[in-house]
Amino acid sequence: MIKYLTVSPEVQQALAAGRPVVALESTIISHGMPYPQNVQTAMLVEQTIRDYGAVPATIAVIGGQLTAGCTPDQIEHLGRRGTDVIKVSRRDLPVVVAEREDGATTVATTMIIAAMAGIKVFATGGIGGVHRGAETTMDISADLEELAQTPVMVICAGPKAILDLRLTLEYLETKGVPVIGYGTDELPAFYTRHSGFGVDYRLDTPQQLAATFRAKLDMGLQGGMLVTNPIPEQYSMPAQVISRAIDEAIADADRLGIHGKAITPYLLDRIQQLTGGDSLAANIQLVLNNARLAAQTARYL
């Protein structure tokens, strides 16, 4: 395993010294935002984690090497290449590594590489889940399976709003993944604070999050923990506005025959167009909010 994994010196030293480290994904850089906002946001998120007392570890596949702790130049490279970079989930890792390609890691693959490196806390925007119409398409994100088996705490703003939130919650329950609402009893829905669905448990402090995950690890329970952290009130988008944009984007995707790993990047980009860029601004703010909470939690963990 070691020959496939590169951990940056800064992250290695932090882990060896027992200092807090927060993993970050790279699909948001290559597929989640346009250049140069993607690179600017990635660097701002890293700085936010530092400001809150932890060490950031942006994760990607660079030239076939699993990389925990990308350099600024590597982040710039991923941002400039954008969607030309392969979007890598669990199934893609063997080929991308063997062919020595670059790859942007999804939530699932970031969890895998974080766990290999010994990183326990991961901040992202939103997770994948059960897509609308999955009863006929069987389109279910590998993120959910990874949460069921890989021991990493994922802090997000909820499942992406383009998903079937009810079925996503049901799937996570079946897999034994605790869904925690940070300061809320209601599942946040990425761009908005409200979904109408409840969470399994509400916890109100980073200390509680860390203690809960520590207990899970100490008991040897398989899998991770999902912490849903609502987007700050001032950046939350009206539910009816985002719902209308999502419905239109999904209809466009159906008409164009877009599916599989291409569907989420397409929908997020189309929603950004339909909302006049408001969804991109919200996306940036919710990622920063999650980074702050992740850094605080990693310090207690």
Foldseek 3Di string as FASTA:
>chain_A
DVVQEDEDPVRLVCVVVLFFEAEEFFLCQQQVDAPPVSLVLVVVLQVLLVVLRYHYWYWWQAQLHTYTRDDSVVSVVSNVCRPVAAADAPVCNVVCNVRRGIYTYALLVSLVNCLVVPHAEYEYEAHFAAAPPCVPVVDGDCNLVSQLAGRHEYEYQYHALRGDRVVRLVSNVVSVAAEEEAVDQARGHRLAGHDPHGGPYYDHALLVVLVVSVVCVVVVRGGYYYYRYHQPPVLRDPPVLLVVQSVVQVVVCVVVVDDDPRNVSSSSVSSCVSVVNSSVVSSSRRSSVRSSSRSRNSRND
